[in-house]
Amino acid sequence: MNLIYNAKIRPKIFIDTTVLCGAIRVDGINRRILKAARYPDLFIPVFSRVCLFEFMKHALEGLGKGTNRVAYTPAEIDEIQFLSIIPSCL
């Protein structure tokens, strides 16, 4: 049984850069973590400023390897943060 469901006080979960970068590239576990952060009964997501700046740096430089590498524009990064990250914090 998972104790997170029985907690009287929701735990704070630190979301790191790996989760953010992975969530925009693949529909896998990292994206599910961000989606789960939208449900107020599970946990409180915590994003540090350093993590967000590191995410921006990596996204501008390009995520992925070799020919699968994708670089994002500042406008695309803003949209990603608005649609994915900010709703998790509300």
N, C-alpha and C. Protein backbone atom coordinates (compact mmCIF):
# COMPACT_ATOMS: atom_id res chain seq x y z
N MET A 1 0.84 -1.18 0.00
CA MET A 1 0.00 0.00 0.00
C MET A 1 0.88 1.24 0.00
N ASN A 2 0.51 2.21 -0.78
CA ASN A 2 1.29 3.44 -0.90
C ASN A 2 0.89 4.42 0.20
N LEU A 3 1.82 4.85 1.00
CA LEU A 3 1.52 5.72 2.13
C LEU A 3 1.21 7.16 1.72
N ILE A 4 1.50 7.54 0.49
CA ILE A 4 1.23 8.90 0.05
C ILE A 4 -0.27 9.18 0.08
N TYR A 5 -1.09 8.18 -0.14
CA TYR A 5 -2.54 8.37 -0.14
C TYR A 5 -3.10 8.53 1.27
N ASN A 6 -2.38 8.02 2.26
CA ASN A 6 -2.85 8.08 3.64
C ASN A 6 -2.28 9.27 4.41
N ALA A 7 -1.43 10.05 3.78
CA ALA A 7 -0.77 11.15 4.48
C ALA A 7 -1.77 12.27 4.79
N LYS A 8 -1.73 12.77 6.01
CA LYS A 8 -2.60 13.89 6.40
C LYS A 8 -2.08 15.19 5.79
N ILE A 9 -0.77 15.27 5.66
CA ILE A 9 -0.14 16.43 5.04
C ILE A 9 0.52 15.93 3.76
N ARG A 10 0.17 16.59 2.64
CA ARG A 10 0.75 16.16 1.36
C ARG A 10 2.26 16.34 1.37
N PRO A 11 3.00 15.36 0.90
CA PRO A 11 4.46 15.52 0.84
C PRO A 11 4.86 16.49 -0.25
N LYS A 12 5.98 17.17 -0.03
CA LYS A 12 6.56 18.04 -1.05
C LYS A 12 7.54 17.20 -1.86
N ILE A 13 7.39 17.24 -3.18
CA ILE A 13 8.24 16.47 -4.07
C ILE A 13 9.03 17.43 -4.94
N PHE A 14 10.36 17.33 -4.90
CA PHE A 14 11.22 18.17 -5.72
C PHE A 14 11.27 17.63 -7.13
N ILE A 15 10.91 18.46 -8.10
CA ILE A 15 10.95 18.08 -9.51
C ILE A 15 12.26 18.62 -10.09
N ASP A 16 13.10 17.73 -10.61
CA ASP A 16 14.41 18.16 -11.11
C ASP A 16 14.41 18.37 -12.62
N THR A 17 15.55 18.83 -13.11
CA THR A 17 15.70 19.16 -14.52
C THR A 17 15.51 17.94 -15.42
N THR A 18 15.95 16.79 -14.97
CA THR A 18 15.79 15.57 -15.76
C THR A 18 14.33 15.28 -16.06
N VAL A 19 13.48 15.48 -15.06
CA VAL A 19 12.04 15.25 -15.25
C VAL A 19 11.48 16.25 -16.25
N LEU A 20 11.85 17.52 -16.11
CA LEU A 20 11.33 18.54 -17.02
C LEU A 20 11.77 18.29 -18.46
N CYS A 21 13.06 18.02 -18.65
CA CYS A 21 13.57 17.79 -20.00
C CYS A 21 12.98 16.52 -20.60
N GLY A 22 12.87 15.48 -19.81
CA GLY A 22 12.32 14.23 -20.30
C GLY A 22 10.84 14.33 -20.62
N ALA A 23 10.13 15.16 -19.89
CA ALA A 23 8.68 15.28 -20.10
C ALA A 23 8.32 15.92 -21.43
N ILE A 24 9.17 16.79 -21.94
CA ILE A 24 8.82 17.43 -23.22
C ILE A 24 9.29 16.62 -24.41
N ARG A 25 10.16 15.65 -24.19
CA ARG A 25 10.68 14.85 -25.31
C ARG A 25 9.89 13.57 -25.54
N VAL A 26 9.44 12.91 -24.49
CA VAL A 26 8.82 11.59 -24.62
C VAL A 26 7.59 11.52 -23.71
N ASP A 27 6.57 10.84 -24.17
CA ASP A 27 5.38 10.64 -23.35
C ASP A 27 5.61 9.42 -22.46
N GLY A 28 6.42 9.61 -21.43
CA GLY A 28 6.80 8.51 -20.55
C GLY A 28 6.58 8.88 -19.09
N ILE A 29 7.40 8.30 -18.24
CA ILE A 29 7.25 8.47 -16.79
C ILE A 29 7.41 9.93 -16.36
N ASN A 30 8.32 10.66 -16.98
CA ASN A 30 8.53 12.06 -16.59
C ASN A 30 7.29 12.91 -16.85
N ARG A 31 6.65 12.69 -17.97
CA ARG A 31 5.42 13.44 -18.28
C ARG A 31 4.30 13.04 -17.31
N ARG A 32 4.26 11.77 -16.94
CA ARG A 32 3.23 11.32 -15.98
C ARG A 32 3.46 11.95 -14.60
N ILE A 33 4.73 12.15 -14.23
CA ILE A 33 5.03 12.82 -12.96
C ILE A 33 4.48 14.25 -12.98
N LEU A 34 4.72 14.98 -14.08
CA LEU A 34 4.19 16.35 -14.17
C LEU A 34 2.67 16.37 -14.18
N LYS A 35 2.06 15.42 -14.87
CA LYS A 35 0.59 15.36 -14.87
C LYS A 35 0.06 15.04 -13.49
N ALA A 36 0.72 14.15 -12.77
CA ALA A 36 0.29 13.80 -11.41
C ALA A 36 0.40 14.99 -10.48
N ALA A 37 1.33 15.88 -10.75
CA ALA A 37 1.51 17.06 -9.89
C ALA A 37 0.32 18.00 -9.97
N ARG A 38 -0.52 17.85 -10.98
CA ARG A 38 -1.70 18.69 -11.12
C ARG A 38 -2.82 18.29 -10.16
N TYR A 39 -2.75 17.08 -9.63
CA TYR A 39 -3.78 16.61 -8.70
C TYR A 39 -3.41 17.04 -7.29
N PRO A 40 -4.20 17.89 -6.68
CA PRO A 40 -3.82 18.49 -5.40
C PRO A 40 -3.77 17.51 -4.23
N ASP A 41 -4.36 16.33 -4.36
CA ASP A 41 -4.38 15.40 -3.24
C ASP A 41 -3.15 14.52 -3.14
N LEU A 42 -2.33 14.47 -4.20
CA LEU A 42 -1.19 13.55 -4.20
C LEU A 42 0.04 14.14 -3.52
N PHE A 43 0.56 15.25 -4.07
CA PHE A 43 1.77 15.84 -3.52
C PHE A 43 1.88 17.29 -3.96
N ILE A 44 2.76 18.02 -3.32
CA ILE A 44 3.04 19.41 -3.67
C ILE A 44 4.32 19.43 -4.49
N PRO A 45 4.26 19.81 -5.77
CA PRO A 45 5.49 19.86 -6.57
C PRO A 45 6.32 21.08 -6.20
N VAL A 46 7.63 20.91 -6.17
CA VAL A 46 8.55 22.00 -5.86
C VAL A 46 9.54 22.12 -7.02
N PHE A 47 9.60 23.32 -7.60
CA PHE A 47 10.54 23.62 -8.68
C PHE A 47 11.46 24.72 -8.18
N SER A 48 12.76 24.47 -8.14
CA SER A 48 13.69 25.52 -7.73
C SER A 48 13.98 26.43 -8.92
N ARG A 49 14.38 27.64 -8.65
CA ARG A 49 14.76 28.56 -9.72
C ARG A 49 15.94 28.01 -10.51
N VAL A 50 16.88 27.42 -9.80
CA VAL A 50 18.05 26.84 -10.46
C VAL A 50 17.62 25.76 -11.44
N CYS A 51 16.69 24.92 -11.03
CA CYS A 51 16.18 23.86 -11.90
C CYS A 51 15.52 24.45 -13.15
N LEU A 52 14.72 25.49 -12.99
CA LEU A 52 14.05 26.11 -14.13
C LEU A 52 15.04 26.76 -15.09
N PHE A 53 16.07 27.43 -14.53
CA PHE A 53 17.09 28.03 -15.39
C PHE A 53 17.89 26.96 -16.12
N GLU A 54 18.20 25.88 -15.42
CA GLU A 54 18.94 24.77 -16.05
C GLU A 54 18.10 24.15 -17.17
N PHE A 55 16.80 23.99 -16.92
CA PHE A 55 15.89 23.48 -17.95
C PHE A 55 15.91 24.40 -19.17
N MET A 56 15.84 25.70 -18.96
CA MET A 56 15.85 26.66 -20.07
C MET A 56 17.15 26.56 -20.85
N LYS A 57 18.26 26.46 -20.14
CA LYS A 57 19.58 26.36 -20.79
C LYS A 57 19.64 25.11 -21.68
N HIS A 58 19.24 23.98 -21.12
CA HIS A 58 19.29 22.73 -21.89
C HIS A 58 18.34 22.77 -23.08
N ALA A 59 17.15 23.32 -22.89
CA ALA A 59 16.18 23.38 -23.99
C ALA A 59 16.67 24.28 -25.11
N LEU A 60 17.33 25.39 -24.77
CA LEU A 60 17.87 26.29 -25.79
C LEU A 60 19.02 25.64 -26.54
N GLU A 61 19.86 24.90 -25.82
CA GLU A 61 21.01 24.22 -26.44
C GLU A 61 20.58 23.01 -27.24
N GLY A 62 19.50 22.38 -26.84
CA GLY A 62 18.99 21.21 -27.54
C GLY A 62 18.92 20.00 -26.63
N LEU A 63 17.80 19.30 -26.71
CA LEU A 63 17.59 18.08 -25.93
C LEU A 63 17.65 16.89 -26.86
N GLY A 64 18.21 15.80 -26.37
CA GLY A 64 18.36 14.60 -27.19
C GLY A 64 19.80 14.47 -27.66
N LYS A 65 20.03 13.41 -28.40
CA LYS A 65 21.39 13.14 -28.88
C LYS A 65 21.40 12.96 -30.38
N GLY A 66 22.50 13.37 -30.99
CA GLY A 66 22.71 13.16 -32.42
C GLY A 66 21.64 13.80 -33.29
N THR A 67 21.13 13.02 -34.22
CA THR A 67 20.12 13.54 -35.14
C THR A 67 18.77 13.75 -34.48
N ASN A 68 18.58 13.21 -33.28
CA ASN A 68 17.32 13.38 -32.54
C ASN A 68 17.32 14.63 -31.67
N ARG A 69 18.41 15.38 -31.71
CA ARG A 69 18.55 16.58 -30.88
C ARG A 69 17.59 17.66 -31.37
N VAL A 70 16.85 18.25 -30.43
CA VAL A 70 15.88 19.30 -30.76
C VAL A 70 16.16 20.51 -29.86
N ALA A 71 16.39 21.66 -30.49
CA ALA A 71 16.58 22.92 -29.74
C ALA A 71 15.26 23.69 -29.79
N TYR A 72 14.93 24.33 -28.69
CA TYR A 72 13.68 25.08 -28.59
C TYR A 72 13.96 26.57 -28.56
N THR A 73 13.03 27.34 -29.07
CA THR A 73 13.14 28.80 -29.05
C THR A 73 12.65 29.31 -27.69
N PRO A 74 13.02 30.55 -27.32
CA PRO A 74 12.50 31.11 -26.07
C PRO A 74 10.97 31.11 -26.02
N ALA A 75 10.31 31.38 -27.14
CA ALA A 75 8.84 31.38 -27.16
C ALA A 75 8.29 29.97 -26.89
N GLU A 76 8.93 28.96 -27.45
CA GLU A 76 8.49 27.58 -27.21
C GLU A 76 8.70 27.19 -25.75
N ILE A 77 9.81 27.63 -25.17
CA ILE A 77 10.08 27.33 -23.77
C ILE A 77 9.03 27.99 -22.88
N ASP A 78 8.67 29.24 -23.17
CA ASP A 78 7.63 29.93 -22.41
C ASP A 78 6.32 29.16 -22.48
N GLU A 79 5.98 28.68 -23.67
CA GLU A 79 4.74 27.93 -23.84
C GLU A 79 4.78 26.61 -23.06
N ILE A 80 5.92 25.94 -23.09
CA ILE A 80 6.08 24.70 -22.34
C ILE A 80 5.90 24.96 -20.85
N GLN A 81 6.52 26.03 -20.35
CA GLN A 81 6.39 26.35 -18.94
C GLN A 81 4.97 26.71 -18.59
N PHE A 82 4.30 27.46 -19.47
CA PHE A 82 2.93 27.87 -19.19
C PHE A 82 1.97 26.68 -19.20
N LEU A 83 2.14 25.76 -20.14
CA LEU A 83 1.22 24.64 -20.28
C LEU A 83 1.54 23.46 -19.37
N SER A 84 2.81 23.27 -19.03
CA SER A 84 3.20 22.07 -18.27
C SER A 84 3.60 22.35 -16.84
N ILE A 85 4.45 23.33 -16.64
CA ILE A 85 5.03 23.53 -15.32
C ILE A 85 4.14 24.37 -14.43
N ILE A 86 3.69 25.51 -14.91
CA ILE A 86 2.90 26.42 -14.08
C ILE A 86 1.60 25.75 -13.58
N PRO A 87 0.84 25.01 -14.42
CA PRO A 87 -0.35 24.35 -13.88
C PRO A 87 -0.04 23.38 -12.74
N SER A 88 1.15 22.80 -12.73
CA SER A 88 1.53 21.90 -11.65
C SER A 88 1.71 22.63 -10.34
N CYS A 89 2.02 23.91 -10.42
CA CYS A 89 2.30 24.69 -9.22
C CYS A 89 1.05 25.35 -8.64
N LEU A 90 -0.04 25.34 -9.38
CA LEU A 90 -1.27 26.02 -8.92
C LEU A 90 -2.05 25.17 -7.97
